[in-house]
Every structure is written in C-alpha cells, then in structure tokens.
Amino acid sequence: MKQKVFQIDAFTDKVFSGNPAAVCILDHWLDEWLMQRIAMENNLAETAFVVRDGTRYQIRWFTPETEVDLCGHATLASAYVLFQYFDINSDTIEFYSPGSGKLSVEKGPDGYLTMDFPRDETIEIEGSREMVDAIGAVPVQSIKGKTDYLLIYSTQAEIEAMTPNFHLLNHLDCRGVIVSAPGDEVDFVSRFFAPQSGIPEDPVTGSAHTTLTPYWAKTLGKTKLTARQLSARGGDLLCEDMGKRIKISGKAVPYLIGEIDL
C-alpha cells in the first residue's frame, strides 16, 4: 500500500524556516498504532492525518511519541495541502477534531491562511520552584492553561537567552511550557518547550497562541496582535482575540511530496 505524504513548512513564506509538519490525506482511518509509527518515523513535531467526512474533514495529530488534542501548525499545513493539491471549491475548510471540536481554516487573497480555534481557558497560579529550576529564570507571572503553562517575562532578551533543563522539564505535569515577553519588533514573542511530547523545543506552536493571544490582548489593550516565535527556525503569526475563539494566521510553503510504503 502506498500513502502520499506532504511535508509543509508552516508559519513562514520560505523553506527551512517555520515549523515543518507532515500531512497524510487518507481515504479512511488507519489503525492508531500505525499512525503513531508513521509519526515516529517522520520524526517531525507533528504528523497530521485527515479523512474527509461529508462536507468537512476529520483531523488527528501525532508527535513522535503521542497523540495530541490540538496542533496549529499541522492544521495550517493540512489546509494548505487541501487547498493546493485537492479539489476544494471553497475558501474555507471545516475540520473536526475529537479533542478540540470544530476548527476552520480560511484562505485569504494575500497568501495567509487563518485558523479559527477555541480560546484556551487559563488561571493565574503561584510559580513553582520546580518550574523555575527547569526554565532557569524567574517569571513575573505564571499562568496555567488546559495543557500548558505560560510564564511571562519582561524582555525579549530574556526569552532569547533561555537555556532550559530539558531533563527537569520532562518531569513537569503538562504538555509543555510557553515562555513569553513583549517583542522588540512585534507585539509579543515566545518559545515553547515540550520534551514530554517528544519535542524539546517546538519551532512555531500555533496552539500555544490560543493561550498567548488572550493574555497579550488584555495586557496590551488590543485585539489584533503580531507575534514571533523565537526558535532557531523562527516563525511569524498574526493573532486576533475574538472572545471565545482565537484567529491565528500564517503562511505555508511546500518542502516535499513523497510516498510511504506501508
């Protein structure tokens, strides 16, 4: 059996930057163990599997080690593949995720794809010594979301200089840790560490911006924001706080198209 696979760089307009995701558009669901093995073999932060379901598409995401409830960059990559290589007679693709419900991606005239995601529900917490030791810097504010912690710092330089202890991070009870600060050239910057999911540092994390966007919208007093993730590859996002929903926009470019021999 041959299965086509696309590798797309998301949240960028040039290859070798942004966040690479693998996308498999399936005729029907594969066994879960097989999808996990494919994701492990791809060895990317995420592999998305998509199956058409009437007028919408069901979507699931796997890291090399586990299935996750929400992934932004692989959703953006999946929409890019469907728009570019499949017969989509609409500017909007409706997705459904078992873990996150209804999602959508709209194609704009300027090359941007805009995702409509649920807002993360967060609470402010007391920072723990374990988290500070793992990150290596004391935050000015600590926030807990559905799956991640968000730690706020004062400057972009602090975010750039961080060298976390991944062994200690791996023992925290969360999907990952987001660190963020006001940006020098954009509204806010961030990095995302998730060794628990097999991703020491994610290049660009769309789902983290469902947590970041409401925080910075309230802090900066604006609903439309520019963002940059400061990984080695880097990536740029446009974010909008819509209340219960968050819009996250970015571009995408293809890197390769191949076949998996199953």
Protein backbone atom coordinates (compact mmCIF):
# COMPACT_ATOMS: atom_id res chain seq x y z
CA MET A 1 0.00 0.00 0.00
CA LYS A 2 1.28 3.45 -0.95
CA GLN A 3 0.33 6.53 1.05
CA LYS A 4 1.17 10.02 -0.20
CA VAL A 5 2.78 12.30 2.37
CA PHE A 6 3.34 16.05 2.16
CA GLN A 7 5.88 17.95 4.24
CA ILE A 8 4.93 21.60 4.63
CA ASP A 9 6.75 24.44 6.41
CA ALA A 10 4.08 26.40 8.31
CA PHE A 11 4.09 29.99 9.60
CA THR A 12 6.66 31.06 7.05
CA ASP A 13 6.94 32.12 3.41
CA LYS A 14 10.24 30.33 2.74
CA VAL A 15 11.52 26.80 3.18
CA PHE A 16 13.88 25.83 6.01
CA SER A 17 12.05 28.08 8.45
CA GLY A 18 8.74 28.00 10.28
CA ASN A 19 7.54 24.66 11.61
CA PRO A 20 7.63 21.55 9.40
CA ALA A 21 4.63 19.22 9.53
CA ALA A 22 3.84 16.02 7.68
CA VAL A 23 0.33 15.63 6.27
CA CYS A 24 -1.37 12.41 5.18
CA ILE A 25 -4.76 12.76 3.46
CA LEU A 26 -6.38 9.34 3.96
CA ASP A 27 -9.30 7.56 2.29
CA HIS A 28 -10.13 6.03 5.68
CA TRP A 29 -8.59 5.91 9.14
CA LEU A 30 -5.54 3.75 9.66
CA ASP A 31 -5.06 1.82 12.87
CA GLU A 32 -3.94 4.14 15.67
CA TRP A 33 -0.72 2.20 16.25
CA LEU A 34 0.18 2.61 12.57
CA MET A 35 -0.42 6.37 12.59
CA GLN A 36 1.79 6.61 15.67
CA ARG A 37 4.52 4.60 13.92
CA ILE A 38 4.32 6.86 10.86
CA ALA A 39 4.66 9.94 13.07
CA MET A 40 7.62 8.34 14.84
CA GLU A 41 9.27 7.54 11.51
CA ASN A 42 8.66 11.06 10.17
CA ASN A 43 10.32 12.40 13.33
CA LEU A 44 8.73 15.83 12.98
CA ALA A 45 6.99 17.76 15.74
CA GLU A 46 3.65 16.68 14.27
CA THR A 47 2.14 14.47 11.61
CA ALA A 48 -1.48 15.26 10.72
CA PHE A 49 -3.90 12.62 9.43
CA VAL A 50 -7.01 13.85 7.63
CA VAL A 51 -10.12 11.97 6.45
CA ARG A 52 -12.99 13.55 4.53
CA ASP A 53 -16.33 13.32 6.34
CA GLY A 54 -19.08 14.72 4.11
CA THR A 55 -18.51 18.47 3.76
CA ARG A 56 -15.86 18.61 6.50
CA TYR A 57 -12.61 16.88 7.35
CA GLN A 58 -11.77 14.96 10.47
CA ILE A 59 -8.21 15.61 11.68
CA ARG A 60 -5.86 14.00 14.22
CA TRP A 61 -2.29 14.93 15.17
CA PHE A 62 0.58 12.77 16.39
CA THR A 63 4.01 13.74 17.72
CA PRO A 64 6.75 11.08 17.53
CA GLU A 65 5.58 9.86 20.95
CA THR A 66 1.87 10.60 21.44
CA GLU A 67 -1.41 11.89 20.02
CA VAL A 68 -2.29 15.49 20.97
CA ASP A 69 -5.62 17.29 21.29
CA LEU A 70 -4.71 20.35 19.21
CA CYS A 71 -1.94 21.38 16.84
CA GLY A 72 -1.88 24.68 14.99
CA HIS A 73 0.96 24.36 12.51
CA ALA A 74 -0.10 20.89 11.29
CA THR A 75 -3.68 22.16 10.83
CA LEU A 76 -2.34 25.08 8.80
CA ALA A 77 -0.23 22.62 6.78
CA SER A 78 -3.22 20.32 6.24
CA ALA A 79 -5.34 23.19 4.95
CA TYR A 80 -2.51 24.26 2.65
CA VAL A 81 -2.32 20.73 1.18
CA LEU A 82 -6.08 20.53 0.65
CA PHE A 83 -6.25 23.97 -0.97
CA GLN A 84 -3.23 23.41 -3.21
CA TYR A 85 -3.48 19.75 -4.23
CA PHE A 86 -7.12 18.73 -3.82
CA ASP A 87 -10.35 19.94 -5.42
CA ILE A 88 -11.63 22.37 -2.78
CA ASN A 89 -14.40 24.61 -4.13
CA SER A 90 -14.46 26.96 -1.18
CA ASP A 91 -12.19 29.45 0.57
CA THR A 92 -12.93 27.81 3.94
CA ILE A 93 -12.18 24.29 5.13
CA GLU A 94 -14.09 22.92 8.11
CA PHE A 95 -12.19 20.48 10.32
CA TYR A 96 -13.36 18.41 13.26
CA SER A 97 -11.02 17.15 15.97
CA PRO A 98 -12.07 14.61 18.63
CA GLY A 99 -10.02 16.56 21.17
CA SER A 100 -10.86 20.16 20.20
CA GLY A 101 -14.17 20.09 18.33
CA LYS A 102 -14.90 22.35 15.36
CA LEU A 103 -11.97 24.14 13.71
CA SER A 104 -11.76 26.00 10.42
CA VAL A 105 -9.16 27.50 8.11
CA GLU A 106 -9.91 30.32 5.67
CA LYS A 107 -7.79 31.16 2.64
CA GLY A 108 -7.17 34.88 2.16
CA PRO A 109 -6.19 36.74 -1.02
CA ASP A 110 -2.80 37.71 0.46
CA GLY A 111 -1.47 34.16 0.88
CA TYR A 112 -2.38 33.96 4.56
CA LEU A 113 -4.35 31.05 5.96
CA THR A 114 -6.44 31.95 9.02
CA MET A 115 -7.32 29.32 11.60
CA ASP A 116 -10.33 29.67 13.88
CA PHE A 117 -9.55 27.86 17.15
CA PRO A 118 -11.15 27.69 20.60
CA ARG A 119 -9.69 30.04 23.22
CA ASP A 120 -7.72 28.37 25.99
CA GLU A 121 -9.14 28.80 29.48
CA THR A 122 -6.43 29.94 31.89
CA ILE A 123 -5.91 30.75 35.57
CA GLU A 124 -3.08 32.62 37.27
CA ILE A 125 -1.05 30.44 39.62
CA GLU A 126 1.86 30.70 42.02
CA GLY A 127 5.11 29.85 40.23
CA SER A 128 6.74 26.65 41.46
CA ARG A 129 10.40 26.11 42.30
CA GLU A 130 10.38 23.03 40.03
CA MET A 131 9.31 25.11 37.05
CA VAL A 132 11.79 27.91 37.74
CA ASP A 133 14.61 25.37 38.07
CA ALA A 134 13.57 23.74 34.79
CA ILE A 135 13.34 27.01 32.84
CA GLY A 136 16.26 28.71 34.59
CA ALA A 137 14.62 32.14 35.02
CA VAL A 138 12.05 33.57 37.44
CA PRO A 139 8.88 34.79 35.65
CA VAL A 140 6.93 37.91 36.58
CA GLN A 141 3.68 35.96 36.17
CA SER A 142 2.70 32.27 35.94
CA ILE A 143 -0.44 31.02 34.19
CA LYS A 144 -1.94 27.56 33.75
CA GLY A 145 -3.95 26.62 30.68
CA LYS A 146 -5.69 23.39 29.67
CA THR A 147 -2.48 21.57 28.78
CA ASP A 148 0.39 24.08 29.09
CA TYR A 149 1.95 26.55 31.49
CA LEU A 150 2.59 30.13 30.35
CA LEU A 151 5.42 32.04 32.02
CA ILE A 152 5.66 35.79 31.42
CA TYR A 153 8.94 37.75 31.39
CA SER A 154 9.82 41.40 30.95
CA THR A 155 12.00 41.46 27.83
CA GLN A 156 12.62 39.69 24.55
CA ALA A 157 16.28 39.34 25.51
CA GLU A 158 15.31 37.11 28.44
CA ILE A 159 13.36 34.80 26.12
CA GLU A 160 16.23 34.65 23.62
CA ALA A 161 18.79 33.82 26.34
CA MET A 162 16.90 30.89 27.91
CA THR A 163 18.64 27.52 28.11
CA PRO A 164 16.14 25.25 29.90
CA ASN A 165 16.99 22.00 31.65
CA PHE A 166 15.06 19.52 29.50
CA HIS A 167 15.52 16.69 31.98
CA LEU A 168 13.71 18.73 34.64
CA LEU A 169 11.12 19.99 32.14
CA ASN A 170 10.30 16.41 31.22
CA HIS A 171 9.09 15.78 34.77
CA LEU A 172 6.57 18.66 34.87
CA ASP A 173 2.89 17.69 34.76
CA CYS A 174 1.91 19.39 31.48
CA ARG A 175 2.11 19.10 27.71
CA GLY A 176 4.67 21.91 27.59
CA VAL A 177 5.82 25.28 28.88
CA ILE A 178 5.38 28.55 26.97
CA VAL A 179 7.64 31.49 27.80
CA SER A 180 6.74 34.94 26.52
CA ALA A 181 7.54 38.64 26.72
CA PRO A 182 6.81 41.89 24.85
CA GLY A 183 8.59 41.92 21.49
CA ASP A 184 11.08 44.46 20.20
CA GLU A 185 9.53 44.49 16.70
CA VAL A 186 6.23 42.64 17.24
CA ASP A 187 3.61 42.77 19.98
CA PHE A 188 4.89 39.67 21.74
CA VAL A 189 7.45 36.89 21.36
CA SER A 190 7.52 33.36 22.71
CA ARG A 191 9.23 30.00 22.84
CA PHE A 192 7.68 26.60 23.55
CA PHE A 193 9.30 23.62 25.27
CA ALA A 194 7.61 20.19 25.31
CA PRO A 195 10.04 17.33 25.95
CA GLN A 196 7.10 15.44 27.50
CA SER A 197 5.67 15.15 23.98
CA GLY A 198 8.99 14.32 22.33
CA ILE A 199 9.57 17.95 21.24
CA PRO A 200 12.37 19.63 23.25
CA GLU A 201 11.68 22.98 21.55
CA ASP A 202 8.91 23.41 19.01
CA PRO A 203 9.81 25.78 16.13
CA VAL A 204 6.38 27.51 15.93
CA THR A 205 3.39 26.47 18.05
CA GLY A 206 0.01 27.59 16.74
CA SER A 207 -1.95 26.02 19.60
CA ALA A 208 0.13 27.92 22.19
CA HIS A 209 -1.25 31.13 20.73
CA THR A 210 -4.74 30.21 21.94
CA THR A 211 -3.20 30.84 25.37
CA LEU A 212 -0.88 33.69 24.41
CA THR A 213 -3.36 35.79 22.42
CA PRO A 214 -5.95 36.39 25.18
CA TYR A 215 -3.19 37.25 27.67
CA TRP A 216 -1.46 39.80 25.44
CA ALA A 217 -4.75 41.20 24.08
CA LYS A 218 -5.80 42.05 27.63
CA THR A 219 -2.32 43.24 28.66
CA LEU A 220 -1.76 45.46 25.60
CA GLY A 221 -5.38 46.59 25.22
CA LYS A 222 -5.77 45.47 21.59
CA THR A 223 -7.44 42.54 19.86
CA LYS A 224 -5.19 42.23 16.79
CA LEU A 225 -1.57 41.34 17.50
CA THR A 226 1.64 40.43 15.73
CA ALA A 227 3.71 37.58 17.16
CA ARG A 228 7.03 35.85 16.58
CA GLN A 229 8.27 32.55 17.95
CA LEU A 230 11.98 32.78 18.66
CA SER A 231 13.13 29.26 17.87
CA ALA A 232 16.17 28.60 15.69
CA ARG A 233 13.90 28.28 12.63
CA GLY A 234 11.57 31.08 13.74
CA GLY A 235 8.06 31.89 12.61
CA ASP A 236 5.61 34.77 12.33
CA LEU A 237 1.94 34.82 13.23
CA LEU A 238 -0.98 37.26 13.15
CA CYS A 239 -3.40 36.74 16.04
CA GLU A 240 -6.84 38.08 16.85
CA ASP A 241 -8.83 37.72 20.06
CA MET A 242 -12.48 37.08 19.12
CA GLY A 243 -13.68 36.35 22.64
CA LYS A 244 -14.37 32.62 22.89
CA ARG A 245 -12.44 31.97 19.68
CA ILE A 246 -8.95 32.91 18.54
CA LYS A 247 -7.91 33.57 14.95
CA ILE A 248 -4.32 32.67 14.08
CA SER A 249 -2.94 33.47 10.63
CA GLY A 250 0.22 32.44 8.83
CA LYS A 251 1.66 31.40 5.52
CA ALA A 252 2.95 28.00 4.41
CA VAL A 253 5.25 26.58 1.74
CA PRO A 254 5.81 23.02 0.47
CA TYR A 255 9.10 21.25 1.12
CA LEU A 256 8.49 17.77 -0.30
CA ILE A 257 5.87 15.36 -1.62
CA GLY A 258 6.55 11.65 -1.30
CA GLU A 259 5.10 8.20 -0.72
CA ILE A 260 5.10 5.98 2.33
CA ASP A 261 5.42 2.26 1.56
CA LEU A 262 3.12 0.59 4.10
